[in-house]
């Protein structure tokens, strides 16, 4: 999936690599910045949000820096391969995008505010790429966990499209689908909080410079 070779394409489930029944690593127990468990258990009443916005190293940092976020986890989502490895995802043969799972306290930060972080920190109009990062694993994506999240995400996408269009940008290509049936697979330990452990590490994400309006759709906090 190198730029200039060919247009990236998602594999069908039949074409995708089969993967493996279990991951080939043990996930670290706690977040290196926030100090909370990566894989749970999570506090009762907290929300889970899944976003794909290009390279997950920089994307994860944007969310762990957001007040009200309890933990973050880099991983793979939206594909067909079971427990994929990073090299397999990068081959384009799993169908996954690099994703960040965000566990948040809805009493401190709303799902709508997380969407604002999402929209403003990448370019959602680029299809299978973010800047110089090209491939299906860099596509923009939102995977929703409740009907309230779905409604809020759809409203925010419509509102952001209006301001993007007014600013001369193209059509949003973000994949907006239910998380159900699209498992989130945690990435290898060296990807978790990568930019905390590698302060000069690569961060390929960057926004359009267009602010996203908030207050678009208020979802009930109990469903977030």
N, C-alpha and C. Protein backbone atom coordinates (compact mmCIF):
# COMPACT_ATOMS: atom_id res chain seq x y z
N UNK A 1 0.82 -1.20 0.00
CA UNK A 1 0.00 0.00 0.00
C UNK A 1 0.86 1.26 0.00
N UNK A 2 1.95 1.23 -0.73
CA UNK A 2 2.84 2.39 -0.78
C UNK A 2 2.31 3.37 -1.80
N UNK A 3 2.40 4.68 -1.45
CA UNK A 3 1.87 5.73 -2.32
C UNK A 3 2.49 5.65 -3.70
N UNK A 4 1.66 5.70 -4.73
CA UNK A 4 2.15 5.65 -6.09
C UNK A 4 2.11 4.25 -6.69
N UNK A 5 1.97 3.21 -5.86
CA UNK A 5 1.93 1.85 -6.39
C UNK A 5 0.57 1.55 -7.01
N UNK A 6 -0.50 1.64 -6.20
CA UNK A 6 -1.85 1.38 -6.68
C UNK A 6 -2.84 1.94 -5.66
N UNK A 7 -4.08 2.04 -6.07
CA UNK A 7 -5.09 2.54 -5.17
C UNK A 7 -5.42 1.47 -4.13
N UNK A 8 -5.34 1.80 -2.84
CA UNK A 8 -5.65 0.80 -1.82
C UNK A 8 -7.11 0.35 -1.93
N UNK A 9 -7.33 -0.93 -1.64
CA UNK A 9 -8.67 -1.49 -1.67
C UNK A 9 -8.87 -2.38 -0.45
N UNK A 10 -10.07 -2.36 0.10
CA UNK A 10 -10.38 -3.25 1.21
C UNK A 10 -10.58 -4.68 0.71
N UNK A 11 -10.00 -5.65 1.40
CA UNK A 11 -10.23 -7.03 1.00
C UNK A 11 -11.63 -7.49 1.40
N UNK A 12 -12.18 -8.42 0.69
CA UNK A 12 -13.42 -9.04 1.11
C UNK A 12 -13.11 -9.98 2.28
N UNK A 13 -14.11 -10.39 3.06
CA UNK A 13 -13.85 -11.35 4.14
C UNK A 13 -13.17 -12.62 3.63
N UNK A 14 -13.50 -13.03 2.41
CA UNK A 14 -12.89 -14.24 1.85
C UNK A 14 -11.43 -14.02 1.49
N UNK A 15 -11.08 -12.80 1.11
CA UNK A 15 -9.70 -12.48 0.73
C UNK A 15 -8.81 -12.18 1.94
N UNK A 16 -9.41 -11.81 3.05
CA UNK A 16 -8.64 -11.38 4.22
C UNK A 16 -7.87 -12.54 4.84
N UNK A 17 -6.75 -12.20 5.47
CA UNK A 17 -5.98 -13.18 6.23
C UNK A 17 -6.83 -13.75 7.36
N UNK A 18 -6.57 -14.98 7.73
CA UNK A 18 -7.42 -15.65 8.73
C UNK A 18 -7.07 -15.25 10.16
N UNK A 19 -5.82 -14.89 10.43
CA UNK A 19 -5.45 -14.49 11.78
C UNK A 19 -5.20 -15.68 12.68
N UNK A 20 -5.54 -15.52 13.97
CA UNK A 20 -5.22 -16.54 14.97
C UNK A 20 -6.23 -16.48 16.11
N UNK A 21 -6.43 -17.57 16.83
CA UNK A 21 -7.46 -17.58 17.87
C UNK A 21 -7.13 -16.70 19.07
N UNK A 22 -5.85 -16.47 19.34
CA UNK A 22 -5.44 -15.66 20.48
C UNK A 22 -4.33 -14.70 20.05
N UNK A 23 -4.23 -13.53 20.68
CA UNK A 23 -3.12 -12.63 20.38
C UNK A 23 -1.79 -13.27 20.77
N UNK A 24 -0.72 -12.84 20.14
CA UNK A 24 0.60 -13.42 20.39
C UNK A 24 1.40 -12.62 21.41
N UNK A 25 0.72 -11.86 22.26
CA UNK A 25 1.40 -11.04 23.25
C UNK A 25 0.49 -10.85 24.45
N UNK A 26 1.09 -10.36 25.52
CA UNK A 26 0.33 -10.00 26.71
C UNK A 26 0.28 -8.49 26.82
N UNK A 27 -0.90 -7.94 26.93
CA UNK A 27 -1.07 -6.49 26.99
C UNK A 27 -0.59 -5.96 28.34
N UNK A 28 0.10 -4.81 28.37
CA UNK A 28 0.44 -4.19 29.65
C UNK A 28 -0.81 -3.94 30.48
N UNK A 29 -0.67 -3.96 31.78
CA UNK A 29 -1.85 -3.85 32.63
C UNK A 29 -2.37 -2.42 32.73
N UNK A 30 -1.46 -1.42 32.70
CA UNK A 30 -1.89 -0.05 32.97
C UNK A 30 -1.36 0.95 31.95
N UNK A 31 -2.10 2.03 31.82
CA UNK A 31 -1.76 3.14 30.94
C UNK A 31 -0.55 3.87 31.51
N UNK A 32 0.46 4.13 30.67
CA UNK A 32 1.70 4.75 31.17
C UNK A 32 1.52 6.21 31.59
N UNK A 33 0.48 6.87 31.08
CA UNK A 33 0.23 8.27 31.43
C UNK A 33 -0.87 8.40 32.48
N UNK A 34 -2.00 7.76 32.23
CA UNK A 34 -3.17 7.92 33.10
C UNK A 34 -3.17 6.95 34.27
N UNK A 35 -2.39 5.88 34.20
CA UNK A 35 -2.26 4.96 35.31
C UNK A 35 -3.41 4.00 35.50
N UNK A 36 -4.39 4.03 34.62
CA UNK A 36 -5.56 3.17 34.77
C UNK A 36 -5.44 1.92 33.89
N UNK A 37 -6.22 0.86 34.19
CA UNK A 37 -6.15 -0.36 33.40
C UNK A 37 -6.44 -0.12 31.93
N UNK A 38 -5.68 -0.80 31.07
CA UNK A 38 -5.91 -0.68 29.63
C UNK A 38 -7.14 -1.49 29.20
N UNK A 39 -7.20 -2.72 29.63
CA UNK A 39 -8.25 -3.61 29.15
C UNK A 39 -9.40 -3.78 30.13
N UNK A 40 -9.46 -2.96 31.16
CA UNK A 40 -10.55 -3.06 32.12
C UNK A 40 -10.16 -3.90 33.32
N UNK A 41 -11.08 -4.03 34.27
CA UNK A 41 -12.46 -3.52 34.20
C UNK A 41 -12.53 -2.00 34.27
N UNK A 42 -13.54 -1.44 33.61
CA UNK A 42 -13.73 0.00 33.59
C UNK A 42 -14.82 0.39 34.58
N UNK A 43 -14.76 1.60 35.11
CA UNK A 43 -15.75 2.03 36.10
C UNK A 43 -17.18 1.99 35.54
N UNK A 44 -18.11 1.63 36.37
CA UNK A 44 -19.52 1.59 35.98
C UNK A 44 -19.99 2.98 35.56
N UNK A 45 -20.72 3.04 34.48
CA UNK A 45 -21.25 4.31 34.00
C UNK A 45 -20.34 5.05 33.04
N UNK A 46 -19.11 4.57 32.86
CA UNK A 46 -18.20 5.21 31.91
C UNK A 46 -18.55 4.78 30.49
N UNK A 47 -18.24 5.64 29.52
CA UNK A 47 -18.51 5.35 28.12
C UNK A 47 -17.29 4.81 27.40
N UNK A 48 -17.53 4.13 26.28
CA UNK A 48 -16.47 3.65 25.41
C UNK A 48 -16.71 4.22 24.02
N UNK A 49 -15.68 4.79 23.44
CA UNK A 49 -15.76 5.36 22.10
C UNK A 49 -14.59 4.84 21.27
N UNK A 50 -14.83 4.52 20.01
CA UNK A 50 -13.80 3.99 19.12
C UNK A 50 -13.65 4.90 17.91
N UNK A 51 -12.40 5.31 17.64
CA UNK A 51 -12.12 6.23 16.54
C UNK A 51 -10.91 5.76 15.73
N UNK A 52 -10.99 5.93 14.42
CA UNK A 52 -9.84 5.76 13.53
C UNK A 52 -9.57 7.07 12.85
N UNK A 53 -8.33 7.56 12.95
CA UNK A 53 -8.01 8.88 12.39
C UNK A 53 -6.57 8.95 11.93
N UNK A 54 -6.12 7.88 11.26
CA UNK A 54 -4.74 7.82 10.83
C UNK A 54 -3.88 7.08 11.82
N UNK A 55 -2.58 7.33 11.80
CA UNK A 55 -1.65 6.62 12.68
C UNK A 55 -2.10 6.72 14.14
N UNK A 56 -2.26 5.56 14.78
CA UNK A 56 -2.84 5.57 16.13
C UNK A 56 -1.90 6.11 17.20
N UNK A 57 -0.64 6.29 16.90
CA UNK A 57 0.27 6.85 17.90
C UNK A 57 -0.14 8.27 18.28
N UNK A 58 -0.27 9.13 17.27
CA UNK A 58 -0.66 10.51 17.54
C UNK A 58 -2.11 10.64 17.95
N UNK A 59 -2.96 9.80 17.37
CA UNK A 59 -4.38 9.86 17.71
C UNK A 59 -4.60 9.51 19.18
N UNK A 60 -3.91 8.48 19.67
CA UNK A 60 -4.09 8.10 21.06
C UNK A 60 -3.66 9.23 21.99
N UNK A 61 -2.56 9.91 21.66
CA UNK A 61 -2.10 11.01 22.52
C UNK A 61 -3.12 12.13 22.60
N UNK A 62 -3.77 12.45 21.49
CA UNK A 62 -4.78 13.51 21.50
C UNK A 62 -5.88 13.20 22.52
N UNK A 63 -6.27 11.93 22.61
CA UNK A 63 -7.35 11.58 23.52
C UNK A 63 -6.88 11.46 24.96
N UNK A 64 -5.68 10.93 25.21
CA UNK A 64 -5.27 10.84 26.62
C UNK A 64 -5.01 12.21 27.22
N UNK A 65 -4.80 13.21 26.35
CA UNK A 65 -4.62 14.58 26.83
C UNK A 65 -5.95 15.29 27.09
N UNK A 66 -7.06 14.65 26.77
CA UNK A 66 -8.38 15.25 26.92
C UNK A 66 -8.92 15.01 28.33
N UNK A 67 -9.22 16.06 29.09
CA UNK A 67 -9.78 15.87 30.44
C UNK A 67 -11.06 15.04 30.39
N UNK A 68 -11.17 14.12 31.34
CA UNK A 68 -12.33 13.25 31.40
C UNK A 68 -12.11 11.90 30.78
N UNK A 69 -11.01 11.75 30.02
CA UNK A 69 -10.67 10.45 29.45
C UNK A 69 -9.95 9.63 30.52
N UNK A 70 -10.42 8.42 30.75
CA UNK A 70 -9.92 7.57 31.84
C UNK A 70 -8.79 6.66 31.38
N UNK A 71 -8.91 6.14 30.16
CA UNK A 71 -7.83 5.35 29.58
C UNK A 71 -8.00 5.33 28.07
N UNK A 72 -6.91 5.01 27.37
CA UNK A 72 -6.93 4.87 25.92
C UNK A 72 -6.17 3.61 25.54
N UNK A 73 -6.49 3.10 24.38
CA UNK A 73 -5.90 1.84 23.94
C UNK A 73 -5.78 1.86 22.43
N UNK A 74 -4.57 1.65 21.90
CA UNK A 74 -4.36 1.56 20.46
C UNK A 74 -4.71 0.17 19.96
N UNK A 75 -5.34 0.10 18.78
CA UNK A 75 -5.72 -1.21 18.27
C UNK A 75 -6.15 -1.18 16.83
N UNK A 76 -6.82 -2.25 16.44
CA UNK A 76 -7.25 -2.44 15.07
C UNK A 76 -8.75 -2.77 15.06
N UNK A 77 -9.47 -2.21 14.08
CA UNK A 77 -10.92 -2.39 14.07
C UNK A 77 -11.45 -2.26 12.65
N UNK A 78 -12.61 -2.88 12.42
CA UNK A 78 -13.30 -2.70 11.15
C UNK A 78 -12.91 -3.68 10.07
N UNK A 79 -12.09 -4.68 10.40
CA UNK A 79 -11.66 -5.64 9.40
C UNK A 79 -12.20 -7.03 9.65
N UNK A 80 -11.62 -8.02 8.98
CA UNK A 80 -12.10 -9.40 9.04
C UNK A 80 -11.14 -10.35 9.73
N UNK A 81 -9.86 -10.04 9.76
CA UNK A 81 -8.87 -10.94 10.35
C UNK A 81 -8.99 -10.97 11.87
N UNK A 82 -8.96 -12.14 12.45
CA UNK A 82 -9.07 -12.29 13.90
C UNK A 82 -7.69 -12.12 14.55
N UNK A 83 -7.61 -11.27 15.57
CA UNK A 83 -6.35 -10.99 16.27
C UNK A 83 -5.22 -10.69 15.29
N UNK A 84 -5.37 -9.65 14.47
CA UNK A 84 -4.34 -9.35 13.48
C UNK A 84 -3.06 -8.84 14.11
N UNK A 85 -1.96 -9.05 13.42
CA UNK A 85 -0.67 -8.47 13.80
C UNK A 85 -0.46 -7.17 13.02
N UNK A 86 0.38 -6.30 13.54
CA UNK A 86 0.61 -5.00 12.92
C UNK A 86 1.05 -5.14 11.47
N UNK A 87 1.98 -6.04 11.21
CA UNK A 87 2.48 -6.21 9.85
C UNK A 87 1.37 -6.67 8.91
N UNK A 88 0.45 -7.47 9.43
CA UNK A 88 -0.67 -7.92 8.61
C UNK A 88 -1.62 -6.78 8.30
N UNK A 89 -1.88 -5.93 9.29
CA UNK A 89 -2.74 -4.78 9.07
C UNK A 89 -2.12 -3.86 8.02
N UNK A 90 -0.81 -3.64 8.12
CA UNK A 90 -0.13 -2.76 7.17
C UNK A 90 -0.08 -3.33 5.76
N UNK A 91 -0.26 -4.64 5.63
CA UNK A 91 -0.26 -5.25 4.30
C UNK A 91 -1.54 -4.92 3.54
N UNK A 92 -2.57 -4.46 4.26
CA UNK A 92 -3.85 -4.18 3.63
C UNK A 92 -4.72 -5.41 3.47
N UNK A 93 -4.28 -6.54 4.02
CA UNK A 93 -4.99 -7.80 3.82
C UNK A 93 -5.83 -8.23 5.01
N UNK A 94 -6.06 -7.33 5.95
CA UNK A 94 -6.94 -7.65 7.08
C UNK A 94 -8.23 -6.84 7.05
N UNK A 95 -8.20 -5.68 6.41
CA UNK A 95 -9.38 -4.81 6.34
C UNK A 95 -9.52 -3.88 7.52
N UNK A 96 -8.60 -3.94 8.49
CA UNK A 96 -8.71 -3.09 9.67
C UNK A 96 -8.17 -1.68 9.43
N UNK A 97 -8.65 -0.76 10.23
CA UNK A 97 -8.02 0.55 10.33
C UNK A 97 -7.36 0.66 11.70
N UNK A 98 -6.32 1.47 11.80
CA UNK A 98 -5.71 1.74 13.10
C UNK A 98 -6.71 2.57 13.91
N UNK A 99 -7.03 2.11 15.10
CA UNK A 99 -8.08 2.72 15.90
C UNK A 99 -7.61 3.00 17.31
N UNK A 100 -8.33 3.88 17.97
CA UNK A 100 -8.09 4.18 19.38
C UNK A 100 -9.39 3.95 20.14
N UNK A 101 -9.32 3.15 21.19
CA UNK A 101 -10.45 2.98 22.09
C UNK A 101 -10.31 3.98 23.23
N UNK A 102 -11.34 4.76 23.47
CA UNK A 102 -11.34 5.82 24.48
C UNK A 102 -12.38 5.48 25.54
N UNK A 103 -11.94 5.34 26.77
CA UNK A 103 -12.85 5.12 27.90
C UNK A 103 -12.94 6.44 28.65
N UNK A 104 -14.16 6.95 28.85
CA UNK A 104 -14.31 8.31 29.35
C UNK A 104 -15.42 8.43 30.39
N UNK A 105 -15.28 9.45 31.21
CA UNK A 105 -16.28 9.76 32.24
C UNK A 105 -17.25 10.78 31.65
N UNK A 106 -18.50 10.37 31.36
CA UNK A 106 -19.45 11.30 30.73
C UNK A 106 -19.85 12.46 31.63
N UNK A 107 -19.51 12.39 32.93
CA UNK A 107 -19.77 13.53 33.81
C UNK A 107 -18.75 14.64 33.61
N UNK A 108 -17.64 14.32 32.95
CA UNK A 108 -16.57 15.29 32.74
C UNK A 108 -16.44 15.68 31.27
N UNK A 109 -16.53 14.70 30.37
CA UNK A 109 -16.41 14.96 28.94
C UNK A 109 -17.51 14.21 28.21
N UNK A 110 -18.20 14.89 27.31
CA UNK A 110 -19.29 14.26 26.57
C UNK A 110 -18.75 13.57 25.31
N UNK A 111 -19.56 12.67 24.78
CA UNK A 111 -19.20 12.02 23.51
C UNK A 111 -19.07 13.08 22.41
N UNK A 112 -19.91 14.05 22.46
CA UNK A 112 -19.86 15.13 21.47
C UNK A 112 -18.53 15.88 21.52
N UNK A 113 -18.00 16.10 22.71
CA UNK A 113 -16.71 16.76 22.84
C UNK A 113 -15.59 15.88 22.33
N UNK A 114 -15.71 14.57 22.52
CA UNK A 114 -14.72 13.65 21.95
C UNK A 114 -14.76 13.69 20.43
N UNK A 115 -15.96 13.82 19.86
CA UNK A 115 -16.07 13.95 18.41
C UNK A 115 -15.38 15.20 17.91
N UNK A 116 -15.44 16.27 18.67
CA UNK A 116 -14.75 17.50 18.29
C UNK A 116 -13.24 17.25 18.21
N UNK A 117 -12.69 16.54 19.19
CA UNK A 117 -11.27 16.17 19.15
C UNK A 117 -10.99 15.34 17.90
N UNK A 118 -11.87 14.39 17.63
CA UNK A 118 -11.72 13.53 16.46
C UNK A 118 -11.69 14.33 15.16
N UNK A 119 -12.72 15.13 14.92
CA UNK A 119 -12.82 15.84 13.64
C UNK A 119 -11.68 16.84 13.44
N UNK A 120 -11.27 17.54 14.50
CA UNK A 120 -10.32 18.63 14.34
C UNK A 120 -8.86 18.19 14.26
N UNK A 121 -8.60 16.91 14.53
CA UNK A 121 -7.20 16.48 14.59
C UNK A 121 -6.82 15.50 13.49
N UNK A 122 -7.62 15.44 12.44
CA UNK A 122 -7.21 14.73 11.23
C UNK A 122 -8.03 15.30 10.08
N UNK A 123 -7.71 14.88 8.87
CA UNK A 123 -8.47 15.31 7.70
C UNK A 123 -9.39 14.17 7.29
N UNK A 124 -10.69 14.29 7.56
CA UNK A 124 -11.61 13.18 7.30
C UNK A 124 -12.07 13.08 5.84
N UNK A 125 -11.41 13.81 4.94
CA UNK A 125 -11.83 13.82 3.54
C UNK A 125 -10.88 13.04 2.63
N UNK A 126 -9.92 12.34 3.20
CA UNK A 126 -8.83 11.80 2.38
C UNK A 126 -8.97 10.32 2.00
N UNK A 127 -10.05 9.67 2.39
CA UNK A 127 -10.20 8.27 2.01
C UNK A 127 -9.20 7.38 2.71
N UNK A 128 -8.50 6.55 1.94
CA UNK A 128 -7.55 5.60 2.51
C UNK A 128 -6.17 6.24 2.70
N UNK A 129 -6.14 7.33 3.45
CA UNK A 129 -4.85 7.97 3.72
C UNK A 129 -5.03 9.05 4.77
N UNK A 130 -3.90 9.43 5.37
CA UNK A 130 -3.80 10.64 6.17
C UNK A 130 -2.45 11.23 5.83
N UNK A 131 -2.47 12.33 5.07
CA UNK A 131 -1.21 12.95 4.66
C UNK A 131 -0.38 12.00 3.83
N UNK A 132 0.87 11.76 4.25
CA UNK A 132 1.76 10.86 3.52
C UNK A 132 1.55 9.40 3.88
N UNK A 133 0.71 9.13 4.87
CA UNK A 133 0.41 7.75 5.25
C UNK A 133 -0.72 7.24 4.37
N UNK A 134 -0.43 6.25 3.55
CA UNK A 134 -1.40 5.77 2.56
C UNK A 134 -1.68 4.30 2.80
N UNK A 135 -2.95 3.94 2.81
CA UNK A 135 -3.36 2.56 2.97
C UNK A 135 -4.71 2.48 3.66
N UNK A 136 -5.36 1.35 3.53
CA UNK A 136 -6.68 1.18 4.13
C UNK A 136 -6.63 1.29 5.65
N UNK A 137 -5.47 1.03 6.25
CA UNK A 137 -5.34 1.09 7.71
C UNK A 137 -5.32 2.51 8.24
N UNK A 138 -5.30 3.50 7.37
CA UNK A 138 -5.28 4.91 7.79
C UNK A 138 -6.61 5.61 7.54
N UNK A 139 -7.64 4.85 7.21
CA UNK A 139 -8.91 5.50 6.89
C UNK A 139 -9.58 6.05 8.16
N UNK A 140 -10.36 7.08 7.96
CA UNK A 140 -11.11 7.71 9.05
C UNK A 140 -12.32 6.87 9.39
N UNK A 141 -12.58 6.67 10.70
CA UNK A 141 -13.68 5.80 11.09
C UNK A 141 -14.20 6.15 12.47
N UNK A 142 -15.50 5.95 12.65
CA UNK A 142 -16.17 6.05 13.94
C UNK A 142 -16.99 4.78 14.10
N UNK A 143 -16.75 4.05 15.19
CA UNK A 143 -17.53 2.84 15.48
C UNK A 143 -18.32 3.10 16.76
N UNK A 144 -19.63 3.12 16.65
CA UNK A 144 -20.48 3.56 17.75
C UNK A 144 -20.97 2.39 18.60
N UNK A 145 -21.18 2.66 19.90
CA UNK A 145 -21.56 1.63 20.85
C UNK A 145 -23.02 1.71 21.29
N UNK A 146 -23.70 2.82 21.02
CA UNK A 146 -25.10 2.98 21.40
C UNK A 146 -25.83 3.75 20.32
N UNK A 147 -27.17 3.66 20.29
CA UNK A 147 -27.93 4.49 19.36
C UNK A 147 -27.68 5.98 19.57
N UNK A 148 -27.48 6.39 20.84
CA UNK A 148 -27.21 7.80 21.11
C UNK A 148 -25.89 8.23 20.48
N UNK A 149 -24.88 7.39 20.59
CA UNK A 149 -23.60 7.71 19.95
C UNK A 149 -23.78 7.82 18.44
N UNK A 150 -24.52 6.89 17.86
CA UNK A 150 -24.72 6.92 16.41
C UNK A 150 -25.40 8.21 15.96
N UNK A 151 -26.45 8.61 16.67
CA UNK A 151 -27.16 9.83 16.31
C UNK A 151 -26.27 11.06 16.47
N UNK A 152 -25.50 11.11 17.54
CA UNK A 152 -24.62 12.25 17.78
C UNK A 152 -23.52 12.30 16.74
N UNK A 153 -22.94 11.14 16.38
CA UNK A 153 -21.89 11.10 15.37
C UNK A 153 -22.40 11.53 14.01
N UNK A 154 -23.59 11.08 13.64
CA UNK A 154 -24.17 11.47 12.35
C UNK A 154 -24.42 12.97 12.29
N UNK A 155 -24.95 13.51 13.38
CA UNK A 155 -25.22 14.95 13.42
C UNK A 155 -23.93 15.75 13.34
N UNK A 156 -22.89 15.28 14.02
CA UNK A 156 -21.63 16.01 14.00
C UNK A 156 -20.98 15.94 12.62
N UNK A 157 -21.11 14.79 11.96
CA UNK A 157 -20.55 14.66 10.61
C UNK A 157 -21.24 15.63 9.65
N UNK A 158 -22.56 15.73 9.75
CA UNK A 158 -23.29 16.66 8.88
C UNK A 158 -22.91 18.11 9.16
N UNK A 159 -22.78 18.45 10.45
CA UNK A 159 -22.42 19.82 10.81
C UNK A 159 -21.00 20.15 10.37
N UNK A 160 -20.09 19.19 10.55
CA UNK A 160 -18.70 19.46 10.16
C UNK A 160 -18.55 19.53 8.65
N UNK A 161 -19.34 18.74 7.92
CA UNK A 161 -19.29 18.82 6.46
C UNK A 161 -19.65 20.22 5.97
N UNK A 162 -20.61 20.84 6.63
CA UNK A 162 -21.01 22.19 6.22
C UNK A 162 -19.86 23.18 6.37
N UNK A 163 -19.16 23.12 7.50
CA UNK A 163 -18.07 24.09 7.70
C UNK A 163 -16.86 23.73 6.83
N UNK A 164 -16.65 22.43 6.58
CA UNK A 164 -15.57 22.04 5.67
C UNK A 164 -15.85 22.54 4.25
N UNK A 165 -17.07 22.35 3.79
CA UNK A 165 -17.45 22.78 2.45
C UNK A 165 -17.29 24.30 2.32
N UNK A 166 -17.72 25.02 3.34
CA UNK A 166 -17.60 26.48 3.31
C UNK A 166 -16.15 26.92 3.28
N UNK A 167 -15.25 26.06 3.77
CA UNK A 167 -13.82 26.39 3.80
C UNK A 167 -13.07 25.84 2.60
N UNK A 168 -13.78 25.24 1.66
CA UNK A 168 -13.16 24.76 0.43
C UNK A 168 -12.64 23.34 0.47
N UNK A 169 -13.02 22.58 1.49
CA UNK A 169 -12.58 21.19 1.59
C UNK A 169 -13.59 20.25 0.94
N UNK A 170 -13.17 19.00 0.76
CA UNK A 170 -13.99 18.03 0.06
C UNK A 170 -14.99 17.31 0.95
N UNK A 171 -15.46 16.17 0.45
CA UNK A 171 -16.49 15.40 1.13
C UNK A 171 -15.88 14.47 2.18
N UNK A 172 -16.50 14.41 3.33
CA UNK A 172 -16.06 13.52 4.39
C UNK A 172 -16.20 12.07 3.95
N UNK A 173 -15.15 11.30 4.15
CA UNK A 173 -15.15 9.88 3.78
C UNK A 173 -15.17 8.97 5.01
N UNK A 174 -15.37 9.54 6.18
CA UNK A 174 -15.33 8.78 7.43
C UNK A 174 -16.33 7.62 7.43
N UNK A 175 -15.84 6.44 7.79
CA UNK A 175 -16.67 5.26 7.95
C UNK A 175 -17.39 5.36 9.29
N UNK A 176 -18.72 5.35 9.27
CA UNK A 176 -19.50 5.47 10.50
C UNK A 176 -20.38 4.22 10.61
N UNK A 177 -19.99 3.31 11.52
CA UNK A 177 -20.64 2.01 11.62
C UNK A 177 -20.77 1.59 13.09
N UNK A 178 -21.68 0.68 13.40
CA UNK A 178 -21.77 0.17 14.77
C UNK A 178 -20.52 -0.63 15.14
N UNK A 179 -20.09 -0.51 16.40
CA UNK A 179 -18.97 -1.32 16.88
C UNK A 179 -19.37 -2.79 17.00
N UNK A 180 -20.65 -3.06 17.22
CA UNK A 180 -21.11 -4.44 17.31
C UNK A 180 -20.81 -5.18 16.02
N UNK A 181 -20.17 -6.32 16.13
CA UNK A 181 -19.79 -7.09 14.96
C UNK A 181 -18.48 -6.66 14.36
N UNK A 182 -17.86 -5.64 14.93
CA UNK A 182 -16.56 -5.14 14.48
C UNK A 182 -15.63 -5.08 15.69
N UNK A 183 -15.10 -6.21 16.09
CA UNK A 183 -14.30 -6.28 17.32
C UNK A 183 -13.10 -5.34 17.29
N UNK A 184 -12.79 -4.81 18.46
CA UNK A 184 -11.58 -4.01 18.64
C UNK A 184 -10.50 -4.94 19.14
N UNK A 185 -9.40 -5.06 18.38
CA UNK A 185 -8.27 -5.89 18.78
C UNK A 185 -7.13 -4.98 19.24
N UNK A 186 -6.70 -5.14 20.47
CA UNK A 186 -5.61 -4.33 20.98
C UNK A 186 -4.34 -4.55 20.17
N UNK A 187 -3.61 -3.46 19.94
CA UNK A 187 -2.34 -3.55 19.23
C UNK A 187 -1.24 -4.04 20.17
N UNK A 188 -0.12 -4.38 19.60
CA UNK A 188 1.02 -4.89 20.34
C UNK A 188 1.47 -3.91 21.41
N UNK A 189 2.10 -4.41 22.49
CA UNK A 189 2.51 -3.54 23.60
C UNK A 189 3.34 -2.33 23.19
N UNK A 190 4.21 -2.46 22.19
CA UNK A 190 5.06 -1.33 21.84
C UNK A 190 4.29 -0.19 21.19
N UNK A 191 3.05 -0.44 20.75
CA UNK A 191 2.23 0.62 20.20
C UNK A 191 1.47 1.40 21.28
N UNK A 192 1.29 0.80 22.46
CA UNK A 192 0.49 1.44 23.49
C UNK A 192 1.23 2.64 24.10
N UNK A 193 0.57 3.82 24.06
CA UNK A 193 1.15 5.06 24.57
C UNK A 193 2.55 5.29 23.97
N UNK A 194 2.66 5.02 22.69
CA UNK A 194 3.95 5.08 22.00
C UNK A 194 4.62 6.43 22.16
N UNK A 195 3.86 7.51 22.03
CA UNK A 195 4.46 8.85 22.07
C UNK A 195 4.75 9.32 23.49
N UNK A 196 4.32 8.58 24.49
CA UNK A 196 4.76 8.85 25.85
C UNK A 196 6.14 8.25 26.07
N UNK A 197 6.37 7.08 25.53
CA UNK A 197 7.64 6.38 25.70
C UNK A 197 8.68 6.79 24.66
N UNK A 198 8.22 7.40 23.57
CA UNK A 198 9.11 7.88 22.50
C UNK A 198 8.74 9.32 22.20
N UNK A 199 9.26 10.24 23.01
CA UNK A 199 8.79 11.63 22.96
C UNK A 199 9.07 12.31 21.63
N UNK A 200 10.04 11.81 20.88
CA UNK A 200 10.33 12.38 19.57
C UNK A 200 9.85 11.45 18.45
N UNK A 201 8.92 10.56 18.78
CA UNK A 201 8.41 9.60 17.80
C UNK A 201 7.54 10.25 16.74
N UNK A 202 7.32 9.50 15.68
CA UNK A 202 6.54 9.99 14.55
C UNK A 202 5.08 10.19 14.92
N UNK A 203 4.53 11.33 14.51
CA UNK A 203 3.11 11.61 14.68
C UNK A 203 2.59 12.12 13.34
N UNK A 204 1.85 11.27 12.64
CA UNK A 204 1.43 11.62 11.28
C UNK A 204 0.09 12.30 11.16
N UNK A 205 -0.59 12.57 12.27
CA UNK A 205 -1.92 13.16 12.15
C UNK A 205 -1.84 14.68 12.12
N UNK A 206 -2.81 15.28 11.46
CA UNK A 206 -2.91 16.73 11.39
C UNK A 206 -4.28 17.11 10.89
N UNK A 207 -4.86 18.14 11.46
CA UNK A 207 -6.21 18.53 11.09
C UNK A 207 -6.27 19.44 9.88
N UNK A 208 -7.47 19.85 9.54
CA UNK A 208 -7.69 20.74 8.40
C UNK A 208 -7.56 22.20 8.80
N UNK A 209 -7.54 22.46 10.12
CA UNK A 209 -7.54 23.83 10.59
C UNK A 209 -8.92 24.42 10.70
N UNK A 210 -9.96 23.60 10.41
CA UNK A 210 -11.34 24.07 10.47
C UNK A 210 -11.96 23.59 11.78
N UNK A 211 -12.47 24.53 12.58
CA UNK A 211 -13.06 24.19 13.87
C UNK A 211 -14.37 23.44 13.68
N UNK A 212 -14.61 22.47 14.55
CA UNK A 212 -15.87 21.71 14.52
C UNK A 212 -16.84 22.32 15.51
N UNK A 213 -18.05 22.68 15.07
CA UNK A 213 -19.05 23.20 16.01
C UNK A 213 -19.51 22.11 16.96
N UNK A 214 -19.74 22.47 18.21
CA UNK A 214 -20.32 21.52 19.15
C UNK A 214 -21.68 22.03 19.58
N UNK A 215 -22.42 21.21 20.31
CA UNK A 215 -23.79 21.57 20.65
C UNK A 215 -24.74 21.20 19.55
N UNK A 216 -24.32 20.21 18.73
CA UNK A 216 -25.11 19.83 17.56
C UNK A 216 -26.26 18.91 17.92
N UNK A 217 -25.94 17.92 18.74
CA UNK A 217 -26.98 16.95 19.12
C UNK A 217 -26.69 16.47 20.52
N UNK A 218 -27.57 16.75 21.43
CA UNK A 218 -27.38 16.32 22.81
C UNK A 218 -27.93 14.92 22.99
N UNK A 219 -27.04 13.96 23.27
CA UNK A 219 -27.47 12.60 23.54
C UNK A 219 -27.62 12.40 25.04
N UNK A 220 -28.57 11.59 25.48
CA UNK A 220 -28.74 11.36 26.90
C UNK A 220 -27.45 10.80 27.50
N UNK A 221 -27.01 11.40 28.60
CA UNK A 221 -25.74 10.99 29.20
C UNK A 221 -25.74 9.53 29.63
N UNK A 222 -26.90 8.99 29.98
CA UNK A 222 -26.97 7.61 30.42
C UNK A 222 -26.70 6.62 29.29
N UNK A 223 -26.82 7.07 28.05
CA UNK A 223 -26.59 6.18 26.91
C UNK A 223 -25.25 6.39 26.26
N UNK A 224 -24.50 7.38 26.73
CA UNK A 224 -23.23 7.66 26.07
C UNK A 224 -22.19 6.62 26.43
